[in-house]
N, C-alpha and C. Protein backbone atom coordinates (compact mmCIF):
# COMPACT_ATOMS: atom_id res chain seq x y z
N MET A 1 0.86 -1.19 0.00
CA MET A 1 0.00 0.00 0.00
C MET A 1 0.89 1.23 0.00
N SER A 2 0.65 2.15 -0.97
CA SER A 2 1.48 3.34 -1.04
C SER A 2 1.03 4.34 0.00
N GLU A 3 2.00 5.14 0.47
CA GLU A 3 1.71 6.13 1.47
C GLU A 3 1.21 7.39 0.81
N ILE A 4 0.28 8.09 1.46
CA ILE A 4 -0.22 9.36 0.97
C ILE A 4 0.59 10.46 1.63
N GLU A 5 1.26 11.27 0.84
CA GLU A 5 2.09 12.33 1.38
C GLU A 5 1.20 13.49 1.83
N THR A 6 1.18 13.75 3.10
CA THR A 6 0.44 14.86 3.67
C THR A 6 1.43 15.82 4.29
N ASN A 7 0.93 16.97 4.74
CA ASN A 7 1.81 17.93 5.40
C ASN A 7 2.45 17.31 6.64
N ALA A 8 1.66 16.47 7.34
CA ALA A 8 2.18 15.84 8.56
C ALA A 8 3.30 14.87 8.24
N THR A 9 3.10 14.02 7.21
CA THR A 9 4.13 13.04 6.88
C THR A 9 5.38 13.71 6.31
N LYS A 10 5.19 14.80 5.58
CA LYS A 10 6.35 15.54 5.05
C LYS A 10 7.15 16.13 6.21
N ALA A 11 6.43 16.65 7.20
CA ALA A 11 7.11 17.24 8.36
C ALA A 11 7.88 16.17 9.12
N ILE A 12 7.29 15.00 9.23
CA ILE A 12 7.95 13.89 9.92
C ILE A 12 9.19 13.47 9.16
N SER A 13 9.09 13.42 7.83
CA SER A 13 10.25 13.05 7.01
C SER A 13 11.40 14.02 7.22
N ARG A 14 11.07 15.30 7.32
CA ARG A 14 12.12 16.29 7.56
C ARG A 14 12.76 16.08 8.93
N LYS A 15 11.93 15.72 9.91
CA LYS A 15 12.45 15.44 11.25
C LYS A 15 13.42 14.26 11.21
N MET A 16 13.08 13.24 10.43
CA MET A 16 13.88 12.03 10.37
C MET A 16 15.28 12.29 9.82
N GLU A 17 15.41 13.33 8.98
CA GLU A 17 16.70 13.62 8.38
C GLU A 17 17.74 14.00 9.43
N GLY A 18 17.26 14.52 10.57
CA GLY A 18 18.21 14.93 11.60
C GLY A 18 18.30 13.98 12.78
N VAL A 19 17.73 12.78 12.62
CA VAL A 19 17.75 11.79 13.70
C VAL A 19 18.54 10.57 13.24
N GLU A 20 19.33 10.01 14.13
CA GLU A 20 20.16 8.86 13.79
C GLU A 20 19.30 7.62 13.53
N PRO A 21 19.45 6.98 12.36
CA PRO A 21 18.68 5.77 12.06
C PRO A 21 18.98 4.66 13.07
N GLY A 22 17.94 3.88 13.36
CA GLY A 22 18.10 2.76 14.28
C GLY A 22 17.85 3.10 15.73
N THR A 23 17.74 4.39 16.04
CA THR A 23 17.47 4.79 17.42
C THR A 23 15.97 4.72 17.69
N PRO A 24 15.58 4.62 18.96
CA PRO A 24 14.13 4.60 19.28
C PRO A 24 13.38 5.81 18.72
N ARG A 25 14.06 6.96 18.74
CA ARG A 25 13.41 8.17 18.22
C ARG A 25 13.15 8.05 16.72
N PHE A 26 14.11 7.52 16.00
CA PHE A 26 13.97 7.34 14.56
C PHE A 26 12.86 6.32 14.27
N GLU A 27 12.84 5.24 15.04
CA GLU A 27 11.83 4.20 14.85
C GLU A 27 10.42 4.74 15.08
N ALA A 28 10.28 5.59 16.09
CA ALA A 28 8.96 6.17 16.38
C ALA A 28 8.50 7.05 15.22
N LEU A 29 9.43 7.85 14.69
CA LEU A 29 9.10 8.70 13.55
C LEU A 29 8.74 7.87 12.32
N GLU A 30 9.51 6.82 12.10
CA GLU A 30 9.26 5.95 10.95
C GLU A 30 7.91 5.26 11.08
N SER A 31 7.58 4.84 12.29
CA SER A 31 6.28 4.20 12.52
C SER A 31 5.14 5.18 12.29
N ALA A 32 5.37 6.44 12.66
CA ALA A 32 4.34 7.46 12.47
C ALA A 32 4.01 7.63 10.98
N ARG A 33 5.03 7.53 10.14
CA ARG A 33 4.79 7.65 8.69
C ARG A 33 3.97 6.48 8.18
N ARG A 34 4.10 5.33 8.83
CA ARG A 34 3.37 4.14 8.39
C ARG A 34 2.04 3.96 9.10
N PHE A 35 1.64 4.99 9.85
CA PHE A 35 0.44 4.88 10.69
C PHE A 35 -0.78 4.43 9.91
N LYS A 36 -0.94 4.93 8.69
CA LYS A 36 -2.12 4.58 7.91
C LYS A 36 -2.15 3.12 7.52
N THR A 37 -0.99 2.49 7.43
CA THR A 37 -0.95 1.09 7.03
C THR A 37 -0.77 0.14 8.20
N SER A 38 -0.22 0.62 9.30
CA SER A 38 -0.03 -0.26 10.45
C SER A 38 0.03 0.55 11.73
N TRP A 39 -1.10 0.64 12.41
CA TRP A 39 -1.15 1.39 13.66
C TRP A 39 -0.41 0.65 14.77
N VAL A 40 -0.25 -0.67 14.61
CA VAL A 40 0.42 -1.45 15.65
C VAL A 40 1.87 -1.03 15.82
N ASP A 41 2.56 -0.79 14.72
CA ASP A 41 3.96 -0.35 14.79
C ASP A 41 4.08 0.94 15.60
N LEU A 42 3.21 1.89 15.28
CA LEU A 42 3.26 3.17 15.98
C LEU A 42 2.86 3.01 17.44
N GLY A 43 1.84 2.19 17.70
CA GLY A 43 1.42 1.97 19.08
C GLY A 43 2.54 1.37 19.92
N GLY A 44 3.28 0.41 19.33
CA GLY A 44 4.39 -0.20 20.04
C GLY A 44 5.53 0.78 20.30
N SER A 45 5.84 1.59 19.30
CA SER A 45 6.91 2.57 19.46
C SER A 45 6.54 3.61 20.52
N LEU A 46 5.30 4.08 20.47
CA LEU A 46 4.87 5.08 21.44
C LEU A 46 4.80 4.51 22.85
N GLN A 47 4.42 3.24 22.95
CA GLN A 47 4.39 2.60 24.27
C GLN A 47 5.79 2.58 24.89
N LYS A 48 6.79 2.30 24.05
CA LYS A 48 8.18 2.28 24.53
C LYS A 48 8.62 3.68 24.94
N VAL A 49 8.29 4.67 24.10
CA VAL A 49 8.66 6.05 24.40
C VAL A 49 8.01 6.51 25.71
N LYS A 50 6.75 6.14 25.89
CA LYS A 50 6.01 6.56 27.08
C LYS A 50 6.51 5.84 28.33
N HIS A 51 6.67 4.52 28.23
CA HIS A 51 7.06 3.71 29.39
C HIS A 51 8.46 4.08 29.90
N LYS A 52 9.38 4.30 28.95
CA LYS A 52 10.76 4.62 29.32
C LYS A 52 11.02 6.12 29.45
N ARG A 53 9.96 6.91 29.22
CA ARG A 53 10.05 8.37 29.31
C ARG A 53 11.18 8.91 28.41
N LEU A 54 11.30 8.32 27.24
CA LEU A 54 12.37 8.72 26.32
C LEU A 54 12.19 10.15 25.82
N TYR A 55 10.95 10.62 25.81
CA TYR A 55 10.69 11.97 25.32
C TYR A 55 11.44 13.02 26.13
N GLU A 56 11.72 12.72 27.40
CA GLU A 56 12.45 13.67 28.24
C GLU A 56 13.88 13.84 27.73
N GLN A 57 14.48 12.74 27.23
CA GLN A 57 15.83 12.81 26.68
C GLN A 57 15.88 13.65 25.41
N TRP A 58 14.74 13.76 24.75
CA TRP A 58 14.68 14.48 23.48
C TRP A 58 14.20 15.92 23.65
N GLY A 59 14.07 16.33 24.90
CA GLY A 59 13.75 17.74 25.17
C GLY A 59 12.28 18.10 25.22
N PHE A 60 11.42 17.09 25.36
CA PHE A 60 9.99 17.38 25.44
C PHE A 60 9.52 17.30 26.89
N PRO A 61 8.68 18.25 27.33
CA PRO A 61 8.26 18.27 28.73
C PRO A 61 7.29 17.16 29.11
N SER A 62 6.61 16.60 28.12
CA SER A 62 5.64 15.55 28.41
C SER A 62 5.46 14.64 27.20
N PHE A 63 4.87 13.48 27.42
CA PHE A 63 4.58 12.55 26.34
C PHE A 63 3.60 13.18 25.35
N GLU A 64 2.62 13.92 25.91
CA GLU A 64 1.62 14.56 25.06
C GLU A 64 2.26 15.60 24.14
N ALA A 65 3.21 16.38 24.70
CA ALA A 65 3.88 17.40 23.90
C ALA A 65 4.71 16.75 22.79
N TYR A 66 5.37 15.64 23.12
CA TYR A 66 6.16 14.91 22.12
C TYR A 66 5.27 14.44 20.97
N CYS A 67 4.13 13.86 21.30
CA CYS A 67 3.23 13.34 20.27
C CYS A 67 2.72 14.47 19.38
N GLN A 68 2.37 15.58 20.00
CA GLN A 68 1.77 16.67 19.24
C GLN A 68 2.81 17.40 18.39
N ASP A 69 3.99 17.63 18.94
CA ASP A 69 4.99 18.44 18.24
C ASP A 69 5.86 17.66 17.26
N GLU A 70 6.16 16.39 17.60
CA GLU A 70 7.07 15.63 16.73
C GLU A 70 6.34 14.60 15.88
N ILE A 71 5.49 13.80 16.50
CA ILE A 71 4.79 12.76 15.75
C ILE A 71 3.59 13.32 14.98
N ARG A 72 3.13 14.49 15.42
CA ARG A 72 2.02 15.18 14.76
C ARG A 72 0.71 14.41 14.88
N ILE A 73 0.46 13.86 16.06
CA ILE A 73 -0.84 13.26 16.33
C ILE A 73 -1.36 13.82 17.64
N LYS A 74 -2.67 13.84 17.78
CA LYS A 74 -3.28 14.39 18.99
C LYS A 74 -3.02 13.46 20.18
N PRO A 75 -2.86 14.04 21.36
CA PRO A 75 -2.66 13.21 22.56
C PRO A 75 -3.75 12.16 22.75
N ARG A 76 -4.97 12.51 22.38
CA ARG A 76 -6.08 11.54 22.52
C ARG A 76 -5.85 10.33 21.61
N THR A 77 -5.37 10.60 20.40
CA THR A 77 -5.07 9.50 19.47
C THR A 77 -3.92 8.66 20.00
N ALA A 78 -2.91 9.32 20.56
CA ALA A 78 -1.76 8.60 21.12
C ALA A 78 -2.22 7.70 22.27
N ALA A 79 -3.13 8.21 23.09
CA ALA A 79 -3.64 7.42 24.22
C ALA A 79 -4.36 6.17 23.72
N LYS A 80 -5.14 6.32 22.65
CA LYS A 80 -5.84 5.16 22.08
C LYS A 80 -4.86 4.16 21.49
N LEU A 81 -3.82 4.68 20.84
CA LEU A 81 -2.81 3.81 20.24
C LEU A 81 -2.11 2.97 21.30
N THR A 82 -1.63 3.62 22.35
CA THR A 82 -0.90 2.89 23.38
C THR A 82 -1.82 1.95 24.15
N ALA A 83 -3.06 2.38 24.40
CA ALA A 83 -4.00 1.52 25.13
C ALA A 83 -4.37 0.29 24.30
N SER A 84 -4.60 0.48 23.01
CA SER A 84 -4.98 -0.64 22.14
C SER A 84 -3.81 -1.60 21.97
N PHE A 85 -2.59 -1.05 21.81
CA PHE A 85 -1.42 -1.91 21.68
C PHE A 85 -1.21 -2.72 22.96
N SER A 86 -1.29 -2.07 24.10
CA SER A 86 -1.09 -2.76 25.38
C SER A 86 -2.15 -3.83 25.59
N PHE A 87 -3.37 -3.54 25.15
CA PHE A 87 -4.45 -4.52 25.30
C PHE A 87 -4.16 -5.77 24.47
N LEU A 88 -3.76 -5.58 23.23
CA LEU A 88 -3.44 -6.73 22.38
C LEU A 88 -2.23 -7.49 22.92
N LYS A 89 -1.26 -6.78 23.39
CA LYS A 89 -0.05 -7.42 23.93
C LYS A 89 -0.39 -8.30 25.12
N GLU A 90 -1.36 -7.88 25.90
CA GLU A 90 -1.73 -8.64 27.09
C GLU A 90 -2.75 -9.73 26.80
N GLU A 91 -3.73 -9.40 25.95
CA GLU A 91 -4.84 -10.33 25.71
C GLU A 91 -4.62 -11.25 24.50
N GLU A 92 -4.06 -10.72 23.44
CA GLU A 92 -3.89 -11.47 22.19
C GLU A 92 -2.52 -11.18 21.57
N PRO A 93 -1.43 -11.57 22.22
CA PRO A 93 -0.09 -11.24 21.70
C PRO A 93 0.19 -11.81 20.32
N ALA A 94 -0.45 -12.91 19.97
CA ALA A 94 -0.20 -13.51 18.65
C ALA A 94 -0.61 -12.58 17.51
N VAL A 95 -1.60 -11.73 17.77
CA VAL A 95 -2.07 -10.82 16.72
C VAL A 95 -0.98 -9.84 16.34
N LEU A 96 -0.13 -9.47 17.29
CA LEU A 96 0.93 -8.51 17.02
C LEU A 96 1.98 -9.07 16.07
N LYS A 97 1.99 -10.39 15.88
CA LYS A 97 2.97 -11.03 14.99
C LYS A 97 2.42 -11.22 13.57
N ARG A 98 1.18 -10.84 13.34
CA ARG A 98 0.62 -10.97 12.00
C ARG A 98 1.33 -10.05 11.02
N ASP A 99 1.37 -10.48 9.75
CA ASP A 99 2.10 -9.69 8.75
C ASP A 99 1.27 -8.53 8.20
N GLY A 100 -0.03 -8.53 8.49
CA GLY A 100 -0.89 -7.46 8.00
C GLY A 100 -1.33 -7.64 6.57
N VAL A 101 -0.86 -8.69 5.90
CA VAL A 101 -1.24 -8.95 4.50
C VAL A 101 -2.03 -10.24 4.42
N GLN A 102 -1.34 -11.37 4.60
CA GLN A 102 -2.04 -12.65 4.59
C GLN A 102 -2.95 -12.80 5.81
N ARG A 103 -2.50 -12.27 6.92
CA ARG A 103 -3.32 -12.27 8.13
C ARG A 103 -3.45 -10.83 8.59
N PRO A 104 -4.57 -10.18 8.29
CA PRO A 104 -4.72 -8.76 8.60
C PRO A 104 -4.73 -8.48 10.10
N ILE A 105 -4.25 -7.29 10.43
CA ILE A 105 -4.28 -6.82 11.80
C ILE A 105 -5.59 -6.06 12.00
N PRO A 106 -6.32 -6.33 13.07
CA PRO A 106 -7.59 -5.62 13.29
C PRO A 106 -7.39 -4.11 13.32
N ASP A 107 -8.38 -3.42 12.82
CA ASP A 107 -8.37 -1.97 12.86
C ASP A 107 -8.32 -1.51 14.32
N MET A 108 -7.68 -0.35 14.56
CA MET A 108 -7.58 0.14 15.92
C MET A 108 -8.95 0.37 16.53
N ALA A 109 -9.90 0.84 15.74
CA ALA A 109 -11.25 1.07 16.25
C ALA A 109 -11.89 -0.25 16.68
N ALA A 110 -11.58 -1.34 15.97
CA ALA A 110 -12.12 -2.65 16.34
C ALA A 110 -11.53 -3.11 17.67
N VAL A 111 -10.24 -2.86 17.86
CA VAL A 111 -9.59 -3.23 19.12
C VAL A 111 -10.16 -2.39 20.26
N GLU A 112 -10.50 -1.13 19.98
CA GLU A 112 -11.12 -0.28 20.98
C GLU A 112 -12.45 -0.86 21.46
N VAL A 113 -13.24 -1.35 20.52
CA VAL A 113 -14.52 -1.97 20.89
C VAL A 113 -14.28 -3.23 21.71
N MET A 114 -13.31 -4.03 21.28
CA MET A 114 -12.99 -5.26 22.00
C MET A 114 -12.51 -4.94 23.41
N ARG A 115 -11.69 -3.91 23.55
CA ARG A 115 -11.18 -3.52 24.87
C ARG A 115 -12.32 -3.02 25.76
N LYS A 116 -13.21 -2.25 25.18
CA LYS A 116 -14.35 -1.74 25.95
C LYS A 116 -15.23 -2.89 26.43
N ALA A 117 -15.42 -3.89 25.56
CA ALA A 117 -16.23 -5.05 25.95
C ALA A 117 -15.59 -5.81 27.09
N ARG A 118 -14.26 -5.94 27.06
CA ARG A 118 -13.54 -6.65 28.12
C ARG A 118 -13.63 -5.88 29.45
N GLU A 119 -13.55 -4.57 29.38
CA GLU A 119 -13.52 -3.76 30.60
C GLU A 119 -14.90 -3.46 31.17
N THR A 120 -15.95 -3.77 30.40
CA THR A 120 -17.31 -3.54 30.88
C THR A 120 -17.81 -4.78 31.61
N GLU A 121 -17.99 -4.66 32.91
CA GLU A 121 -18.34 -5.82 33.73
C GLU A 121 -19.69 -6.42 33.36
N SER A 122 -20.59 -5.60 32.83
CA SER A 122 -21.93 -6.10 32.52
C SER A 122 -21.98 -6.91 31.23
N VAL A 123 -20.88 -6.95 30.48
CA VAL A 123 -20.85 -7.74 29.25
C VAL A 123 -20.50 -9.19 29.60
N PRO A 124 -21.39 -10.15 29.30
CA PRO A 124 -21.11 -11.55 29.62
C PRO A 124 -19.87 -12.06 28.89
N GLU A 125 -19.20 -13.03 29.48
CA GLU A 125 -17.97 -13.58 28.90
C GLU A 125 -18.22 -14.15 27.51
N GLU A 126 -19.35 -14.81 27.34
CA GLU A 126 -19.67 -15.40 26.04
C GLU A 126 -19.80 -14.33 24.96
N ASP A 127 -20.42 -13.20 25.33
CA ASP A 127 -20.57 -12.11 24.37
C ASP A 127 -19.22 -11.47 24.05
N TYR A 128 -18.37 -11.37 25.07
CA TYR A 128 -17.03 -10.82 24.81
C TYR A 128 -16.26 -11.70 23.84
N ARG A 129 -16.34 -13.01 24.02
CA ARG A 129 -15.62 -13.91 23.12
C ARG A 129 -16.11 -13.76 21.69
N LYS A 130 -17.41 -13.56 21.53
CA LYS A 130 -17.96 -13.38 20.18
C LYS A 130 -17.44 -12.09 19.56
N ILE A 131 -17.42 -11.01 20.36
CA ILE A 131 -16.92 -9.73 19.87
C ILE A 131 -15.44 -9.84 19.52
N LYS A 132 -14.69 -10.56 20.34
CA LYS A 132 -13.26 -10.74 20.09
C LYS A 132 -13.04 -11.50 18.78
N GLU A 133 -13.80 -12.57 18.57
CA GLU A 133 -13.67 -13.35 17.33
C GLU A 133 -13.99 -12.49 16.12
N MET A 134 -15.03 -11.67 16.23
CA MET A 134 -15.40 -10.80 15.12
C MET A 134 -14.29 -9.80 14.83
N ALA A 135 -13.69 -9.24 15.89
CA ALA A 135 -12.63 -8.25 15.71
C ALA A 135 -11.39 -8.88 15.07
N LEU A 136 -11.02 -10.05 15.56
CA LEU A 136 -9.82 -10.71 15.05
C LEU A 136 -10.02 -11.26 13.64
N ASP A 137 -11.29 -11.45 13.26
CA ASP A 137 -11.60 -11.89 11.89
C ASP A 137 -11.80 -10.72 10.95
N ASP A 138 -11.47 -9.51 11.44
CA ASP A 138 -11.53 -8.29 10.62
C ASP A 138 -12.95 -7.96 10.17
N GLN A 139 -13.92 -8.19 11.07
CA GLN A 139 -15.30 -7.80 10.78
C GLN A 139 -15.43 -6.28 10.87
N PRO A 140 -16.44 -5.71 10.19
CA PRO A 140 -16.61 -4.25 10.22
C PRO A 140 -16.81 -3.73 11.65
N VAL A 141 -16.25 -2.57 11.90
CA VAL A 141 -16.36 -1.98 13.23
C VAL A 141 -17.83 -1.73 13.59
N SER A 142 -18.63 -1.36 12.60
CA SER A 142 -20.05 -1.11 12.86
C SER A 142 -20.74 -2.35 13.41
N ALA A 143 -20.36 -3.52 12.89
CA ALA A 143 -20.94 -4.77 13.37
C ALA A 143 -20.51 -5.05 14.81
N LEU A 144 -19.26 -4.72 15.13
CA LEU A 144 -18.76 -4.92 16.49
C LEU A 144 -19.51 -4.02 17.47
N ARG A 145 -19.69 -2.78 17.08
CA ARG A 145 -20.39 -1.83 17.96
C ARG A 145 -21.85 -2.25 18.18
N LYS A 146 -22.46 -2.76 17.14
CA LYS A 146 -23.83 -3.25 17.26
C LYS A 146 -23.90 -4.44 18.21
N GLU A 147 -22.94 -5.34 18.08
CA GLU A 147 -22.90 -6.52 18.96
C GLU A 147 -22.68 -6.10 20.41
N LEU A 148 -21.78 -5.14 20.63
CA LEU A 148 -21.52 -4.66 21.99
C LEU A 148 -22.76 -4.00 22.57
N LYS A 149 -23.44 -3.21 21.78
CA LYS A 149 -24.65 -2.54 22.24
C LYS A 149 -25.71 -3.54 22.66
N GLN A 150 -25.82 -4.61 21.90
CA GLN A 150 -26.81 -5.64 22.22
C GLN A 150 -26.42 -6.42 23.48
N SER A 151 -25.14 -6.43 23.79
CA SER A 151 -24.66 -7.16 24.97
C SER A 151 -24.88 -6.38 26.27
N LEU A 152 -25.03 -5.07 26.14
CA LEU A 152 -25.19 -4.23 27.32
C LEU A 152 -26.63 -4.28 27.83
N PRO A 153 -26.83 -4.23 29.14
CA PRO A 153 -28.19 -4.21 29.69
C PRO A 153 -28.89 -2.93 29.28
N PRO A 154 -30.21 -2.97 29.13
CA PRO A 154 -30.95 -1.77 28.73
C PRO A 154 -30.77 -0.64 29.75
N VAL A 155 -30.66 0.56 29.23
CA VAL A 155 -30.46 1.73 30.10
C VAL A 155 -31.79 2.12 30.73
N GLU A 156 -31.79 2.22 32.04
CA GLU A 156 -33.01 2.62 32.75
C GLU A 156 -33.30 4.09 32.47
N PRO A 157 -34.55 4.41 32.10
CA PRO A 157 -34.87 5.83 31.87
C PRO A 157 -34.83 6.60 33.18
N PRO A 158 -34.46 7.88 33.14
CA PRO A 158 -34.41 8.67 34.38
C PRO A 158 -35.79 8.81 35.00
N ALA A 159 -35.80 8.98 36.30
CA ALA A 159 -37.07 9.16 37.02
C ALA A 159 -37.76 10.42 36.54
N PRO A 160 -39.09 10.41 36.46
CA PRO A 160 -39.82 11.59 35.97
C PRO A 160 -39.46 12.87 36.71
N LYS A 161 -39.30 12.78 38.04
CA LYS A 161 -39.00 14.00 38.79
C LYS A 161 -37.64 14.57 38.41
N GLN A 162 -36.69 13.69 38.09
CA GLN A 162 -35.38 14.17 37.66
C GLN A 162 -35.49 14.94 36.36
N VAL A 163 -36.32 14.41 35.45
CA VAL A 163 -36.52 15.08 34.16
C VAL A 163 -37.19 16.43 34.37
N ILE A 164 -38.18 16.47 35.25
CA ILE A 164 -38.91 17.72 35.51
C ILE A 164 -37.98 18.76 36.11
N LYS A 165 -37.11 18.34 37.06
CA LYS A 165 -36.17 19.28 37.67
C LYS A 165 -35.21 19.85 36.62
N GLN A 166 -34.81 19.01 35.69
CA GLN A 166 -33.94 19.48 34.61
C GLN A 166 -34.67 20.48 33.73
N LEU A 167 -35.94 20.22 33.47
CA LEU A 167 -36.74 21.15 32.67
C LEU A 167 -36.92 22.49 33.38
N VAL A 168 -37.04 22.44 34.71
CA VAL A 168 -37.15 23.68 35.48
C VAL A 168 -35.90 24.53 35.28
N ARG A 169 -34.72 23.89 35.37
CA ARG A 169 -33.47 24.63 35.20
C ARG A 169 -33.37 25.23 33.79
N GLN A 170 -33.78 24.44 32.80
CA GLN A 170 -33.71 24.93 31.42
C GLN A 170 -34.69 26.08 31.19
N ALA A 171 -35.90 25.95 31.74
CA ALA A 171 -36.91 27.01 31.58
C ALA A 171 -36.48 28.28 32.30
N ALA A 172 -35.87 28.12 33.49
CA ALA A 172 -35.40 29.29 34.24
C ALA A 172 -34.28 30.00 33.50
N LYS A 173 -33.41 29.22 32.87
CA LYS A 173 -32.33 29.82 32.09
C LYS A 173 -32.89 30.58 30.90
N LEU A 174 -33.91 30.01 30.26
CA LEU A 174 -34.55 30.68 29.13
C LEU A 174 -35.19 31.99 29.58
N ALA A 175 -35.89 31.96 30.72
CA ALA A 175 -36.55 33.16 31.23
C ALA A 175 -35.52 34.26 31.54
N ASP A 176 -34.40 33.88 32.16
CA ASP A 176 -33.35 34.85 32.47
C ASP A 176 -32.77 35.46 31.20
N THR A 177 -32.55 34.61 30.20
CA THR A 177 -31.99 35.10 28.93
C THR A 177 -32.95 36.07 28.25
N LEU A 178 -34.23 35.73 28.22
CA LEU A 178 -35.23 36.60 27.59
C LEU A 178 -35.31 37.94 28.30
N ALA A 179 -35.20 37.91 29.63
CA ALA A 179 -35.32 39.15 30.42
C ALA A 179 -34.15 40.09 30.16
N ASN A 180 -33.01 39.55 29.73
CA ASN A 180 -31.82 40.37 29.53
C ASN A 180 -31.56 40.74 28.08
N VAL A 181 -32.47 40.38 27.21
CA VAL A 181 -32.32 40.71 25.79
C VAL A 181 -33.22 41.87 25.43
N GLN A 182 -32.62 42.93 24.91
CA GLN A 182 -33.41 44.10 24.52
C GLN A 182 -34.31 43.76 23.33
N GLY A 183 -35.52 44.28 23.37
CA GLY A 183 -36.44 44.07 22.27
C GLY A 183 -37.42 42.94 22.48
N ILE A 184 -37.22 42.14 23.54
CA ILE A 184 -38.17 41.06 23.84
C ILE A 184 -39.34 41.66 24.61
N PRO A 185 -40.56 41.55 24.09
CA PRO A 185 -41.72 42.11 24.80
C PRO A 185 -41.86 41.53 26.21
N ARG A 186 -42.28 42.38 27.14
CA ARG A 186 -42.41 41.94 28.53
C ARG A 186 -43.40 40.80 28.66
N VAL A 187 -44.40 40.78 27.80
CA VAL A 187 -45.42 39.73 27.90
C VAL A 187 -44.79 38.35 27.65
N ILE A 188 -43.79 38.27 26.78
CA ILE A 188 -43.13 36.99 26.49
C ILE A 188 -42.27 36.57 27.68
N VAL A 189 -41.61 37.56 28.30
CA VAL A 189 -40.81 37.25 29.49
C VAL A 189 -41.70 36.72 30.60
N ASP A 190 -42.87 37.36 30.78
CA ASP A 190 -43.80 36.92 31.82
C ASP A 190 -44.30 35.50 31.56
N ARG A 191 -44.51 35.18 30.30
CA ARG A 191 -44.95 33.81 29.96
C ARG A 191 -43.87 32.80 30.32
N ALA A 192 -42.63 33.17 30.04
CA ALA A 192 -41.52 32.26 30.36
C ALA A 192 -41.41 32.05 31.86
N ILE A 193 -41.59 33.13 32.64
CA ILE A 193 -41.53 33.01 34.10
C ILE A 193 -42.69 32.15 34.60
N SER A 194 -43.86 32.33 34.01
CA SER A 194 -45.02 31.51 34.40
C SER A 194 -44.79 30.05 34.07
N LEU A 195 -44.12 29.80 32.96
CA LEU A 195 -43.80 28.41 32.58
C LEU A 195 -42.90 27.77 33.62
N VAL A 196 -41.91 28.52 34.10
CA VAL A 196 -41.02 27.99 35.15
C VAL A 196 -41.83 27.61 36.38
N ASP A 197 -42.76 28.49 36.79
CA ASP A 197 -43.59 28.22 37.97
C ASP A 197 -44.48 26.99 37.75
N ASP A 198 -45.04 26.86 36.55
CA ASP A 198 -45.92 25.73 36.25
C ASP A 198 -45.16 24.41 36.30
N ILE A 199 -43.96 24.41 35.71
CA ILE A 199 -43.16 23.18 35.70
C ILE A 199 -42.68 22.84 37.11
N ARG A 200 -42.26 23.88 37.86
CA ARG A 200 -41.78 23.65 39.23
C ARG A 200 -42.89 23.08 40.10
N ALA A 201 -44.13 23.46 39.85
CA ALA A 201 -45.26 22.96 40.62
C ALA A 201 -45.42 21.45 40.44
N LEU A 202 -45.01 20.93 39.29
CA LEU A 202 -45.13 19.49 39.03
C LEU A 202 -44.21 18.68 39.95
N VAL A 203 -43.09 19.30 40.37
CA VAL A 203 -42.15 18.60 41.25
C VAL A 203 -42.77 18.34 42.61
N ASP A 204 -43.63 19.29 43.04
CA ASP A 204 -44.23 19.20 44.38
C ASP A 204 -45.43 18.26 44.41
N HIS A 205 -45.91 17.85 43.25
CA HIS A 205 -47.10 16.98 43.23
C HIS A 205 -46.72 15.52 43.54
């Protein structure tokens, strides 16, 4: 698969010109360029950089700053990369040895769903195994999310009084906003205030 040259990858390539090949820093940069084709390489490199705090040796105040300034990825993305890599390393280490061609590596989003299923106590073990098999078989992420949603217990609707109290706060905010806006007729402001009183009365019933 050919790489798409973007501003980020070009910037990374320029960074690589001043870094010694074979060093952890060079490997992390190289993995970043291959991110679109193999997130596992980048996740592994970033995990090493984070665990050994190598970014401090390179003059960065934090792991997040290193990711944003040098690797050109958002800290949130870096967190997902390292978390997904660590999850596979612990739960399914054999997947990390796949070549990505004859045996595809699951998409990072698929691993995220699998990790969420494992960490959610309400998901039965049987359902987790099914989600894991789907992820490792390179099933669409949408199918995994649907399966996970079906595995979760139904969400209990909020109590009516809680909803009414929330509506009171929203109506009061609306009334305050209307009262402070020039050009709003007083009769409309009074209606809004009356609405707050009417809704608040429902809480006391």
